[in-house]
C-alpha cells in the first residue's frame, strides 16, 4: 500500500516519493515551510519534523534551554 503525502495527504507513488523526516512526500510537496522553495535530499534542513531551506531555517525562532 502506498503511503499518503505528509503535506497534501494524497497517495505518494514510488516514482514521485521523497522519504525524509520520518515522512513521505511528493517531490513537489517537499518544500520549505517559510519560502515554499522546492527542496531535495541535498539542500533541506529539518526542524521539528518540517523541511526548510537554509534561509528559512535561519528565519524561524528556535527555543533555547537556559540552565541558569
C-alpha atoms as a PDB file:
ATOM      1  CA  UNK A   1       0.000   0.000   0.000  1.00  0.00           C
ATOM      2  CA  UNK A   2       1.335   3.427  -0.928  1.00  0.00           C
ATOM      3  CA  UNK A   3       1.606   5.994   1.880  1.00  0.00           C
ATOM      4  CA  UNK A   4      -0.074   9.424   1.976  1.00  0.00           C
ATOM      5  CA  UNK A   5       1.921  12.620   1.435  1.00  0.00           C
ATOM      6  CA  UNK A   6       2.796  14.491   4.637  1.00  0.00           C
ATOM      7  CA  UNK A   7       1.810  17.810   3.023  1.00  0.00           C
ATOM      8  CA  UNK A   8      -1.229  17.185   0.791  1.00  0.00           C
ATOM      9  CA  UNK A   9      -2.468  13.830   2.098  1.00  0.00           C
ATOM     10  CA  UNK A  10      -2.775  12.269  -1.369  1.00  0.00           C
ATOM     11  CA  UNK A  11      -1.199   8.901  -2.202  1.00  0.00           C
ATOM     12  CA  UNK A  12       2.519   9.003  -2.974  1.00  0.00           C
ATOM     13  CA  UNK A  13       3.610   6.539  -5.658  1.00  0.00           C
ATOM     14  CA  UNK A  14       7.201   5.202  -5.699  1.00  0.00           C
ATOM     15  CA  UNK A  15       8.303   7.241  -8.736  1.00  0.00           C
ATOM     16  CA  UNK A  16       7.441  10.543  -7.043  1.00  0.00           C
ATOM     17  CA  UNK A  17       8.283   9.714  -3.424  1.00  0.00           C
ATOM     18  CA  UNK A  18      10.721  11.572  -1.184  1.00  0.00           C
ATOM     19  CA  UNK A  19      11.168   9.840   2.183  1.00  0.00           C
ATOM     20  CA  UNK A  20      12.546  12.270   4.716  1.00  0.00           C
ATOM     21  CA  UNK A  21      11.982  13.437   8.302  1.00  0.00           C
ATOM     22  CA  UNK A  22      10.206  10.132   9.015  1.00  0.00           C
ATOM     23  CA  UNK A  23       7.512  11.061   6.471  1.00  0.00           C
ATOM     24  CA  UNK A  24       6.717  10.555   2.792  1.00  0.00           C
ATOM     25  CA  UNK A  25       6.282  13.468   0.398  1.00  0.00           C
ATOM     26  CA  UNK A  26       5.590  14.122  -3.288  1.00  0.00           C
ATOM     27  CA  UNK A  27       8.647  15.750  -4.842  1.00  0.00           C
ATOM     28  CA  UNK A  28       6.631  18.943  -5.390  1.00  0.00           C
ATOM     29  CA  UNK A  29       5.246  18.921  -1.855  1.00  0.00           C
ATOM     30  CA  UNK A  30       8.696  18.706  -0.277  1.00  0.00           C
ATOM     31  CA  UNK A  31       9.279  22.448   0.022  1.00  0.00           C
ATOM     32  CA  UNK A  32      10.387  24.987   2.599  1.00  0.00           C
ATOM     33  CA  UNK A  33       7.804  25.845   5.256  1.00  0.00           C
ATOM     34  CA  UNK A  34       8.777  29.529   5.044  1.00  0.00           C
ATOM     35  CA  UNK A  35       9.507  30.443   1.411  1.00  0.00           C
ATOM     36  CA  UNK A  36       7.996  27.406  -0.410  1.00  0.00           C
ATOM     37  CA  UNK A  37      11.232  26.716  -2.331  1.00  0.00           C
ATOM     38  CA  UNK A  38      11.262  23.138  -3.636  1.00  0.00           C
ATOM     39  CA  UNK A  39      13.806  21.085  -1.721  1.00  0.00           C
ATOM     40  CA  UNK A  40      15.662  17.823  -2.215  1.00  0.00           C
ATOM     41  CA  UNK A  41      17.702  15.485  -0.044  1.00  0.00           C
ATOM     42  CA  UNK A  42      20.856  17.577  -0.525  1.00  0.00           C
ATOM     43  CA  UNK A  43      19.574  21.043   0.335  1.00  0.00           C
ATOM     44  CA  UNK A  44      16.926  20.669   3.056  1.00  0.00           C
ATOM     45  CA  UNK A  45      17.287  21.446   6.739  1.00  0.00           C
ATOM     46  CA  UNK A  46      14.884  19.715   9.111  1.00  0.00           C
ATOM     47  CA  UNK A  47      13.443  21.181  12.277  1.00  0.00           C
ATOM     48  CA  UNK A  48      10.507  19.815  14.277  1.00  0.00           C
ATOM     49  CA  UNK A  49       9.891  17.217  11.502  1.00  0.00           C
ATOM     50  CA  UNK A  50       9.352  20.004   8.924  1.00  0.00           C
ATOM     51  CA  UNK A  51      11.541  20.872   5.904  1.00  0.00           C
ATOM     52  CA  UNK A  52      13.271  24.237   5.471  1.00  0.00           C
ATOM     53  CA  UNK A  53      15.819  25.789   3.134  1.00  0.00           C
ATOM     54  CA  UNK A  54      18.926  27.342   4.705  1.00  0.00           C
ATOM     55  CA  UNK A  55      17.422  30.847   4.794  1.00  0.00           C
ATOM     56  CA  UNK A  56      14.060  29.594   6.043  1.00  0.00           C
ATOM     57  CA  UNK A  57      15.682  27.599   8.813  1.00  0.00           C
ATOM     58  CA  UNK A  58      17.594  30.656   9.991  1.00  0.00           C
ATOM     59  CA  UNK A  59      14.434  32.799   9.969  1.00  0.00           C
ATOM     60  CA  UNK A  60      12.482  30.707  12.488  1.00  0.00           C
ATOM     61  CA  UNK A  61      12.930  31.202  16.199  1.00  0.00           C
ATOM     62  CA  UNK A  62      14.372  28.197  17.969  1.00  0.00           C
ATOM     63  CA  UNK A  63      13.759  27.941  21.691  1.00  0.00           C
ATOM     64  CA  UNK A  64      16.899  27.789  23.784  1.00  0.00           C
ATOM     65  CA  UNK A  65      17.134  25.896  27.062  1.00  0.00           C
ATOM     66  CA  UNK A  66      18.549  28.082  29.813  1.00  0.00           C
ATOM     67  CA  UNK A  67      20.234  26.209  32.613  1.00  0.00           C
ATOM     68  CA  UNK A  68      20.899  29.277  34.799  1.00  0.00           C
END
